Amino acid sequence: MTAFLFFLPQTWVILGILLIIADIFLGYDFFVLPIGVSALIISLILYLQKGAFEELGDFILFKTWHDVAYWFSGLSLVSIILMRLLFKLRKKDRVDINEY
């Protein structure tokens, strides 16, 4: 039963929205936000795989629930790294009056 939930785009949309809301309101210092965004990306890929666009032909990226979990963890890791680098570059350009 749980393997079936891995292939539902609605599951990943709900997970992504919950993680983004949790990051915004609970103040997780932008750690859960990229994980929520990667859950939304997984839901988009699953939606496309289920035949939303028939022009792509037989678009099968996820064959087992292991594939979904691997892609989700990889996308989460990449999005966390990109978000951290983006915020570092953004802070680097600002002048802080408290630095002595």
N, C-alpha and C. Protein backbone atom coordinates (compact mmCIF):
# COMPACT_ATOMS: atom_id res chain seq x y z
N MET A 1 0.82 -1.20 0.00
CA MET A 1 0.00 0.00 0.00
C MET A 1 0.85 1.25 0.00
N THR A 2 1.94 1.27 0.78
CA THR A 2 2.77 2.47 0.82
C THR A 2 3.53 2.68 -0.48
N ALA A 3 3.85 1.60 -1.18
CA ALA A 3 4.52 1.75 -2.47
C ALA A 3 3.59 2.42 -3.48
N PHE A 4 2.31 2.20 -3.36
CA PHE A 4 1.35 2.87 -4.23
C PHE A 4 1.34 4.37 -4.01
N LEU A 5 1.51 4.79 -2.77
CA LEU A 5 1.50 6.23 -2.46
C LEU A 5 2.72 6.95 -3.03
N PHE A 6 3.81 6.23 -3.22
CA PHE A 6 5.00 6.84 -3.81
C PHE A 6 4.77 7.29 -5.24
N PHE A 7 3.83 6.65 -5.94
CA PHE A 7 3.60 6.96 -7.34
C PHE A 7 2.44 7.93 -7.57
N LEU A 8 1.84 8.42 -6.51
CA LEU A 8 0.76 9.40 -6.65
C LEU A 8 1.34 10.82 -6.62
N PRO A 9 1.13 11.60 -7.68
CA PRO A 9 1.62 12.99 -7.65
C PRO A 9 0.99 13.80 -6.53
N GLN A 10 -0.25 13.47 -6.15
CA GLN A 10 -0.93 14.20 -5.09
C GLN A 10 -0.20 14.05 -3.75
N THR A 11 0.38 12.89 -3.50
CA THR A 11 1.13 12.66 -2.27
C THR A 11 2.31 13.61 -2.18
N TRP A 12 3.02 13.77 -3.30
CA TRP A 12 4.20 14.62 -3.31
C TRP A 12 3.83 16.11 -3.27
N VAL A 13 2.70 16.47 -3.85
CA VAL A 13 2.25 17.86 -3.76
C VAL A 13 1.90 18.20 -2.31
N ILE A 14 1.19 17.30 -1.65
CA ILE A 14 0.83 17.53 -0.25
C ILE A 14 2.09 17.61 0.62
N LEU A 15 3.02 16.69 0.41
CA LEU A 15 4.26 16.69 1.17
C LEU A 15 5.05 17.98 0.93
N GLY A 16 5.13 18.40 -0.34
CA GLY A 16 5.86 19.62 -0.66
C GLY A 16 5.25 20.85 -0.03
N ILE A 17 3.93 20.96 -0.10
CA ILE A 17 3.26 22.12 0.49
C ILE A 17 3.41 22.12 2.01
N LEU A 18 3.28 20.96 2.63
CA LEU A 18 3.46 20.88 4.10
C LEU A 18 4.87 21.26 4.52
N LEU A 19 5.86 20.81 3.78
CA LEU A 19 7.24 21.15 4.13
C LEU A 19 7.53 22.63 3.93
N ILE A 20 7.01 23.21 2.87
CA ILE A 20 7.22 24.64 2.63
C ILE A 20 6.53 25.47 3.71
N ILE A 21 5.31 25.11 4.05
CA ILE A 21 4.59 25.83 5.11
C ILE A 21 5.30 25.66 6.45
N ALA A 22 5.79 24.46 6.73
CA ALA A 22 6.51 24.24 7.98
C ALA A 22 7.77 25.08 8.05
N ASP A 23 8.46 25.21 6.93
CA ASP A 23 9.68 26.00 6.92
C ASP A 23 9.39 27.48 7.12
N ILE A 24 8.32 27.95 6.53
CA ILE A 24 7.98 29.36 6.65
C ILE A 24 7.52 29.69 8.07
N PHE A 25 6.62 28.91 8.61
CA PHE A 25 6.00 29.27 9.89
C PHE A 25 6.77 28.77 11.11
N LEU A 26 7.52 27.68 11.00
CA LEU A 26 8.25 27.16 12.15
C LEU A 26 9.69 27.64 12.19
N GLY A 27 10.14 28.27 11.12
CA GLY A 27 11.48 28.86 11.10
C GLY A 27 12.60 27.84 11.13
N TYR A 28 12.63 26.96 10.17
CA TYR A 28 13.69 25.96 10.11
C TYR A 28 14.94 26.47 9.39
N ASP A 29 15.06 27.78 9.25
CA ASP A 29 16.24 28.42 8.66
C ASP A 29 16.48 27.95 7.22
N PHE A 30 15.44 27.84 6.45
CA PHE A 30 15.47 27.47 5.04
C PHE A 30 16.13 26.12 4.78
N PHE A 31 15.96 25.18 5.70
CA PHE A 31 16.47 23.83 5.46
C PHE A 31 15.41 22.93 4.86
N VAL A 32 14.18 23.08 5.26
CA VAL A 32 13.10 22.21 4.79
C VAL A 32 12.51 22.75 3.48
N LEU A 33 12.71 24.03 3.21
CA LEU A 33 12.17 24.64 1.99
C LEU A 33 12.66 23.95 0.71
N PRO A 34 13.96 23.73 0.53
CA PRO A 34 14.39 23.04 -0.70
C PRO A 34 13.91 21.59 -0.79
N ILE A 35 13.71 20.94 0.34
CA ILE A 35 13.18 19.58 0.32
C ILE A 35 11.73 19.60 -0.16
N GLY A 36 10.97 20.61 0.26
CA GLY A 36 9.59 20.76 -0.21
C GLY A 36 9.54 21.07 -1.70
N VAL A 37 10.47 21.88 -2.16
CA VAL A 37 10.52 22.20 -3.60
C VAL A 37 10.86 20.95 -4.40
N SER A 38 11.78 20.13 -3.89
CA SER A 38 12.11 18.90 -4.62
C SER A 38 10.93 17.92 -4.60
N ALA A 39 10.12 17.93 -3.56
CA ALA A 39 8.91 17.09 -3.56
C ALA A 39 7.94 17.56 -4.64
N LEU A 40 7.84 18.87 -4.83
CA LEU A 40 6.98 19.39 -5.90
C LEU A 40 7.52 19.02 -7.29
N ILE A 41 8.83 19.00 -7.43
CA ILE A 41 9.44 18.60 -8.71
C ILE A 41 9.16 17.12 -8.97
N ILE A 42 9.26 16.29 -7.95
CA ILE A 42 8.95 14.86 -8.09
C ILE A 42 7.49 14.68 -8.51
N SER A 43 6.59 15.47 -7.92
CA SER A 43 5.18 15.35 -8.30
C SER A 43 4.97 15.74 -9.75
N LEU A 44 5.70 16.74 -10.22
CA LEU A 44 5.60 17.14 -11.63
C LEU A 44 6.10 16.03 -12.55
N ILE A 45 7.22 15.41 -12.20
CA ILE A 45 7.75 14.32 -13.01
C ILE A 45 6.80 13.13 -13.03
N LEU A 46 6.22 12.80 -11.87
CA LEU A 46 5.25 11.70 -11.82
C LEU A 46 4.01 12.01 -12.64
N TYR A 47 3.57 13.27 -12.61
CA TYR A 47 2.41 13.67 -13.39
C TYR A 47 2.70 13.53 -14.88
N LEU A 48 3.89 13.94 -15.30
CA LEU A 48 4.27 13.80 -16.70
C LEU A 48 4.43 12.33 -17.09
N GLN A 49 4.92 11.52 -16.17
CA GLN A 49 5.11 10.10 -16.45
C GLN A 49 3.78 9.38 -16.61
N LYS A 50 2.75 9.81 -15.89
CA LYS A 50 1.45 9.14 -15.97
C LYS A 50 0.71 9.41 -17.28
N GLY A 51 1.30 10.20 -18.16
CA GLY A 51 0.70 10.42 -19.46
C GLY A 51 0.01 11.76 -19.62
N ALA A 52 0.47 12.75 -18.90
CA ALA A 52 -0.12 14.07 -19.05
C ALA A 52 0.18 14.64 -20.44
N PHE A 53 1.38 14.36 -20.91
CA PHE A 53 1.76 14.80 -22.25
C PHE A 53 2.10 13.57 -23.07
N GLU A 54 1.24 13.23 -23.99
CA GLU A 54 1.44 12.02 -24.77
C GLU A 54 2.47 12.22 -25.88
N GLU A 55 2.91 13.47 -26.09
CA GLU A 55 3.92 13.73 -27.10
C GLU A 55 5.28 13.16 -26.70
N LEU A 56 5.47 12.95 -25.40
CA LEU A 56 6.75 12.43 -24.93
C LEU A 56 6.90 10.94 -25.16
N GLY A 57 5.84 10.28 -25.53
CA GLY A 57 5.90 8.85 -25.77
C GLY A 57 5.89 8.07 -24.47
N ASP A 58 6.64 6.98 -24.44
CA ASP A 58 6.73 6.16 -23.24
C ASP A 58 7.80 6.73 -22.31
N PHE A 59 7.42 7.72 -21.56
CA PHE A 59 8.32 8.40 -20.64
C PHE A 59 8.24 7.73 -19.28
N ILE A 60 9.18 6.80 -19.03
CA ILE A 60 9.18 6.09 -17.75
C ILE A 60 10.53 6.34 -17.08
N LEU A 61 10.50 7.17 -16.05
CA LEU A 61 11.70 7.46 -15.30
C LEU A 61 11.72 6.68 -13.99
N PHE A 62 10.54 6.49 -13.41
CA PHE A 62 10.41 5.79 -12.15
C PHE A 62 9.73 4.45 -12.38
N LYS A 63 10.48 3.36 -12.22
CA LYS A 63 9.89 2.04 -12.40
C LYS A 63 9.50 1.42 -11.06
N THR A 64 10.28 1.68 -10.03
CA THR A 64 9.98 1.16 -8.69
C THR A 64 9.93 2.32 -7.71
N TRP A 65 9.47 2.03 -6.50
CA TRP A 65 9.42 3.09 -5.50
C TRP A 65 10.82 3.48 -5.04
N HIS A 66 11.78 2.58 -5.25
CA HIS A 66 13.17 2.89 -4.93
C HIS A 66 13.68 4.04 -5.82
N ASP A 67 13.28 4.00 -7.09
CA ASP A 67 13.68 5.06 -8.01
C ASP A 67 13.14 6.41 -7.57
N VAL A 68 11.91 6.43 -7.11
CA VAL A 68 11.31 7.68 -6.64
C VAL A 68 12.06 8.19 -5.42
N ALA A 69 12.38 7.29 -4.50
CA ALA A 69 13.10 7.70 -3.29
C ALA A 69 14.51 8.19 -3.60
N TYR A 70 15.20 7.53 -4.54
CA TYR A 70 16.54 7.97 -4.92
C TYR A 70 16.51 9.35 -5.57
N TRP A 71 15.58 9.54 -6.48
CA TRP A 71 15.48 10.85 -7.14
C TRP A 71 15.09 11.94 -6.17
N PHE A 72 14.20 11.63 -5.24
CA PHE A 72 13.79 12.62 -4.25
C PHE A 72 14.97 13.00 -3.36
N SER A 73 15.73 12.02 -2.91
CA SER A 73 16.87 12.34 -2.06
C SER A 73 17.94 13.10 -2.83
N GLY A 74 18.17 12.73 -4.07
CA GLY A 74 19.16 13.45 -4.88
C GLY A 74 18.74 14.88 -5.18
N LEU A 75 17.48 15.06 -5.54
CA LEU A 75 16.98 16.42 -5.78
C LEU A 75 16.99 17.25 -4.51
N SER A 76 16.70 16.63 -3.39
CA SER A 76 16.74 17.36 -2.12
C SER A 76 18.15 17.83 -1.80
N LEU A 77 19.11 16.95 -1.99
CA LEU A 77 20.50 17.30 -1.71
C LEU A 77 20.97 18.42 -2.63
N VAL A 78 20.68 18.31 -3.91
CA VAL A 78 21.09 19.35 -4.86
C VAL A 78 20.41 20.68 -4.56
N SER A 79 19.12 20.64 -4.23
CA SER A 79 18.42 21.90 -3.96
C SER A 79 18.88 22.53 -2.65
N ILE A 80 19.26 21.74 -1.65
CA ILE A 80 19.80 22.30 -0.41
C ILE A 80 21.13 22.99 -0.69
N ILE A 81 21.99 22.34 -1.46
CA ILE A 81 23.29 22.93 -1.79
C ILE A 81 23.11 24.22 -2.58
N LEU A 82 22.23 24.21 -3.57
CA LEU A 82 22.01 25.41 -4.37
C LEU A 82 21.43 26.55 -3.54
N MET A 83 20.51 26.23 -2.64
CA MET A 83 19.90 27.26 -1.80
C MET A 83 20.94 27.86 -0.85
N ARG A 84 21.79 27.03 -0.26
CA ARG A 84 22.84 27.53 0.64
C ARG A 84 23.83 28.42 -0.12
N LEU A 85 24.22 28.00 -1.32
CA LEU A 85 25.13 28.82 -2.10
C LEU A 85 24.49 30.15 -2.50
N LEU A 86 23.23 30.11 -2.84
CA LEU A 86 22.52 31.33 -3.22
C LEU A 86 22.47 32.32 -2.06
N PHE A 87 22.18 31.82 -0.86
CA PHE A 87 22.10 32.71 0.29
C PHE A 87 23.48 33.21 0.72
N LYS A 88 24.52 32.40 0.52
CA LYS A 88 25.88 32.86 0.83
C LYS A 88 26.28 33.98 -0.11
N LEU A 89 25.99 33.82 -1.39
CA LEU A 89 26.33 34.86 -2.35
C LEU A 89 25.54 36.14 -2.09
N ARG A 90 24.33 35.99 -1.67
CA ARG A 90 23.50 37.14 -1.38
C ARG A 90 24.00 37.89 -0.15
N LYS A 91 24.44 37.17 0.87
CA LYS A 91 24.97 37.81 2.07
C LYS A 91 26.34 38.44 1.82
N LYS A 92 27.08 37.89 0.90
CA LYS A 92 28.43 38.37 0.62
C LYS A 92 28.41 39.79 0.07
N ASP A 93 27.40 40.13 -0.69
CA ASP A 93 27.33 41.45 -1.31
C ASP A 93 26.88 42.54 -0.34
N ARG A 94 26.31 42.18 0.78
CA ARG A 94 25.81 43.15 1.74
C ARG A 94 26.92 43.59 2.70
N VAL A 95 26.87 44.85 3.04
CA VAL A 95 27.81 45.37 4.02
C VAL A 95 27.14 45.34 5.39
N ASP A 96 27.81 44.70 6.33
CA ASP A 96 27.26 44.59 7.68
C ASP A 96 27.94 45.62 8.57
N ILE A 97 27.17 46.45 9.22
CA ILE A 97 27.74 47.49 10.05
C ILE A 97 28.28 46.94 11.38
N ASN A 98 27.96 45.71 11.67
CA ASN A 98 28.40 45.11 12.92
C ASN A 98 29.75 44.40 12.80
N GLU A 99 30.29 44.31 11.60
CA GLU A 99 31.60 43.69 11.44
C GLU A 99 32.68 44.68 11.80
N TYR A 100 33.63 44.26 12.63
CA TYR A 100 34.70 45.16 13.08
C TYR A 100 36.01 44.76 12.49
